[in-house]
C-alpha atoms as a PDB file:
ATOM      1  CA  MET A   1     -13.364   6.834  -1.655  1.00  0.00           C
ATOM      2  CA  ILE A   2     -10.160   5.736   0.138  1.00  0.00           C
ATOM      3  CA  SER A   3     -11.905   3.225   2.329  1.00  0.00           C
ATOM      4  CA  THR A   4     -15.788   2.486   3.541  1.00  0.00           C
ATOM      5  CA  CYS A   5     -16.571   0.733   6.508  1.00  0.00           C
ATOM      6  CA  LYS A   6     -19.984  -0.726   7.105  1.00  0.00           C
ATOM      7  CA  GLU A   7     -21.165  -2.054  10.565  1.00  0.00           C
ATOM      8  CA  CYS A   8     -23.904  -4.932  10.892  1.00  0.00           C
ATOM      9  CA  VAL A   9     -25.665  -7.179  13.108  1.00  0.00           C
ATOM     10  CA  LEU A  10     -25.236 -10.704  11.646  1.00  0.00           C
ATOM     11  CA  GLU A  11     -28.450 -12.894  11.673  1.00  0.00           C
ATOM     12  CA  ASP A  12     -26.746 -15.900  13.439  1.00  0.00           C
ATOM     13  CA  LYS A  13     -28.119 -16.922  16.714  1.00  0.00           C
ATOM     14  CA  HIS A  14     -25.777 -14.745  18.462  1.00  0.00           C
ATOM     15  CA  HIS A  15     -26.694 -11.525  16.578  1.00  0.00           C
ATOM     16  CA  HIS A  16     -22.648 -10.695  16.310  1.00  0.00           C
ATOM     17  CA  HIS A  17     -21.965  -7.772  15.100  1.00  0.00           C
ATOM     18  CA  ALA A  18     -19.410  -7.256  12.197  1.00  0.00           C
ATOM     19  CA  ARG A  19     -17.607  -4.309  10.721  1.00  0.00           C
ATOM     20  CA  ILE A  20     -16.343  -4.450   7.026  1.00  0.00           C
ATOM     21  CA  GLN A  21     -14.072  -2.391   5.169  1.00  0.00           C
ATOM     22  CA  LEU A  22     -13.863  -2.138   1.676  1.00  0.00           C
ATOM     23  CA  THR A  23     -10.884  -0.339   0.254  1.00  0.00           C
ATOM     24  CA  ARG A  24     -10.565   1.215  -3.530  1.00  0.00           C
ATOM     25  CA  CYS A  25      -7.517  -0.954  -3.442  1.00  0.00           C
ATOM     26  CA  GLY A  26      -9.314  -4.060  -3.944  1.00  0.00           C
ATOM     27  CA  THR A  27      -9.197  -5.420   0.124  1.00  0.00           C
ATOM     28  CA  VAL A  28     -11.922  -6.278   2.518  1.00  0.00           C
ATOM     29  CA  ALA A  29     -11.163  -6.894   5.738  1.00  0.00           C
ATOM     30  CA  ILE A  30     -14.218  -7.984   8.064  1.00  0.00           C
ATOM     31  CA  ASP A  31     -13.696  -8.376  11.732  1.00  0.00           C
ATOM     32  CA  ILE A  32     -16.069  -9.978  14.390  1.00  0.00           C
ATOM     33  CA  PRO A  33     -15.419  -8.659  17.895  1.00  0.00           C
ATOM     34  CA  GLU A  34     -17.028 -11.036  19.785  1.00  0.00           C
ATOM     35  CA  THR A  35     -15.479 -14.021  18.293  1.00  0.00           C
ATOM     36  CA  ASN A  36     -12.090 -12.305  17.705  1.00  0.00           C
ATOM     37  CA  GLU A  37     -12.364 -13.225  14.113  1.00  0.00           C
ATOM     38  CA  HIS A  38     -10.812 -11.409  11.132  1.00  0.00           C
ATOM     39  CA  ILE A  39     -10.887 -11.902   7.777  1.00  0.00           C
ATOM     40  CA  ASP A  40      -8.666 -10.153   4.678  1.00  0.00           C
ATOM     41  CA  THR A  41      -9.461 -10.919   1.282  1.00  0.00           C
ATOM     42  CA  GLU A  42      -9.758  -9.419  -2.116  1.00  0.00           C
ATOM     43  CA  LEU A  43     -12.896  -7.736  -3.335  1.00  0.00           C
ATOM     44  CA  ASP A  44     -13.501 -10.005  -6.303  1.00  0.00           C
ATOM     45  CA  SER A  45     -13.659 -13.038  -3.302  1.00  0.00           C
ATOM     46  CA  VAL A  46     -16.772 -11.295  -1.715  1.00  0.00           C
ATOM     47  CA  GLU A  47     -20.485 -11.043  -3.193  1.00  0.00           C
ATOM     48  CA  ILE A  48     -23.858 -10.995  -1.643  1.00  0.00           C
ATOM     49  CA  ARG A  49     -25.598 -14.326  -2.210  1.00  0.00           C
ATOM     50  CA  SER A  50     -28.812 -16.276  -1.160  1.00  0.00           C
ATOM     51  CA  HIS A  51     -27.935 -18.834   1.317  1.00  0.00           C
ATOM     52  CA  SER A  52     -30.339 -21.086   3.367  1.00  0.00           C
ATOM     53  CA  GLY A  53     -33.131 -18.569   2.365  1.00  0.00           C
ATOM     54  CA  LYS A  54     -31.045 -15.968   4.133  1.00  0.00           C
ATOM     55  CA  LEU A  55     -28.979 -13.020   2.157  1.00  0.00           C
ATOM     56  CA  CYS A  56     -25.470 -13.544   3.037  1.00  0.00           C
ATOM     57  CA  LEU A  57     -21.739 -11.812   2.410  1.00  0.00           C
ATOM     58  CA  VAL A  58     -20.221 -14.896   0.870  1.00  0.00           C
ATOM     59  CA  CYS A  59     -16.296 -14.383   0.971  1.00  0.00           C
ATOM     60  CA  GLN A  60     -13.142 -16.848   0.454  1.00  0.00           C
ATOM     61  CA  ALA A  61      -9.605 -16.246   1.965  1.00  0.00           C
ATOM     62  CA  LYS A  62      -6.446 -18.006   2.177  1.00  0.00           C
ATOM     63  CA  LEU A  63      -5.870 -18.923   5.752  1.00  0.00           C
ATOM     64  CA  LYS A  64      -2.481 -17.551   7.265  1.00  0.00           C
ATOM     65  CA  SER A  65      -1.158 -20.658   8.808  1.00  0.00           C
ATOM     66  CA  ARG A  66      -2.241 -23.225   5.783  1.00  0.00           C
ATOM     67  CA  GLU A  67      -2.645 -23.534   2.497  1.00  0.00           C
ATOM     68  CA  ASN A  68      -6.730 -24.088   2.893  1.00  0.00           C
ATOM     69  CA  ILE A  69      -9.037 -21.486   1.247  1.00  0.00           C
ATOM     70  CA  GLN A  70     -11.753 -20.656   4.309  1.00  0.00           C
ATOM     71  CA  ARG A  71     -15.303 -19.699   3.197  1.00  0.00           C
ATOM     72  CA  LYS A  72     -17.385 -17.881   5.322  1.00  0.00           C
ATOM     73  CA  ALA A  73     -21.179 -16.692   5.024  1.00  0.00           C
ATOM     74  CA  LEU A  74     -22.247 -14.000   7.274  1.00  0.00           C
ATOM     75  CA  PRO A  75     -26.220 -13.902   7.363  1.00  0.00           C
ATOM     76  CA  LEU A  76     -27.121 -10.269   7.115  1.00  0.00           C
ATOM     77  CA  GLN A  77     -30.420  -8.320   7.537  1.00  0.00           C
ATOM     78  CA  GLN A  78     -32.151  -7.600   4.165  1.00  0.00           C
ATOM     79  CA  GLN A  79     -31.067  -3.823   4.190  1.00  0.00           C
ATOM     80  CA  ASP A  80     -27.761  -4.115   5.179  1.00  0.00           C
ATOM     81  CA  ALA A  81     -27.168  -6.595   2.169  1.00  0.00           C
ATOM     82  CA  LEU A  82     -28.696  -4.265  -0.063  1.00  0.00           C
ATOM     83  CA  GLU A  83     -26.440  -1.552   1.115  1.00  0.00           C
ATOM     84  CA  LEU A  84     -23.300  -3.682   1.007  1.00  0.00           C
ATOM     85  CA  ASN A  85     -23.992  -4.704  -2.520  1.00  0.00           C
ATOM     86  CA  GLN A  86     -24.208  -0.914  -3.441  1.00  0.00           C
ATOM     87  CA  LEU A  87     -20.862  -0.376  -1.706  1.00  0.00           C
ATOM     88  CA  ILE A  88     -19.111  -3.485  -3.107  1.00  0.00           C
ATOM     89  CA  ARG A  89     -20.206  -2.622  -6.697  1.00  0.00           C
ATOM     90  CA  GLU A  90     -18.771   0.957  -6.276  1.00  0.00           C
ATOM     91  CA  ALA A  91     -15.510  -0.007  -4.640  1.00  0.00           C
ATOM     92  CA  SER A  92     -15.267  -2.784  -7.835  1.00  0.00           C
ATOM     93  CA  GLU A  93     -15.988   0.185  -9.888  1.00  0.00           C
ATOM     94  CA  GLU A  94     -13.347   2.597  -8.720  1.00  0.00           C
ATOM     95  CA  TYR A  95     -10.878  -0.373  -8.102  1.00  0.00           C
ATOM     96  CA  GLU A  96     -11.168  -0.866 -11.618  1.00  0.00           C
ATOM     97  CA  THR A  97     -10.848   2.781 -12.727  1.00  0.00           C
ATOM     98  CA  LEU A  98      -7.754   3.116 -10.713  1.00  0.00           C
ATOM     99  CA  MET A  99      -6.028   0.035 -12.255  1.00  0.00           C
ATOM    100  CA  ASN A 100      -7.148   1.296 -15.930  1.00  0.00           C
ATOM    101  CA  ASP A 101      -5.673   4.360 -14.502  1.00  0.00           C
ATOM    102  CA  LEU A 102      -2.254   2.585 -13.940  1.00  0.00           C
ATOM    103  CA  LEU A 103      -1.996   1.250 -17.161  1.00  0.00           C
END
């Protein structure tokens, strides 16, 4: 895998779309076109968690304009959350293998 993309419909009140790209280099890019939101973060800064009774993709990213860390919880449909959790695990394993091969 060089990168894997997952398209999701968020379980928010507006049902925005999210395009999530995971790379074997350990990065994650999230685009929400309806709000012009883009989040770049590291693979170890994302996880699937239960948040307010819903499964969410929780991520942390440093804002470019500030030193603050932005924490974002994106509510997902259960099937999307399960598939994304598997993709995160696979990308993490590939990243670890890549780093071990470089040593």
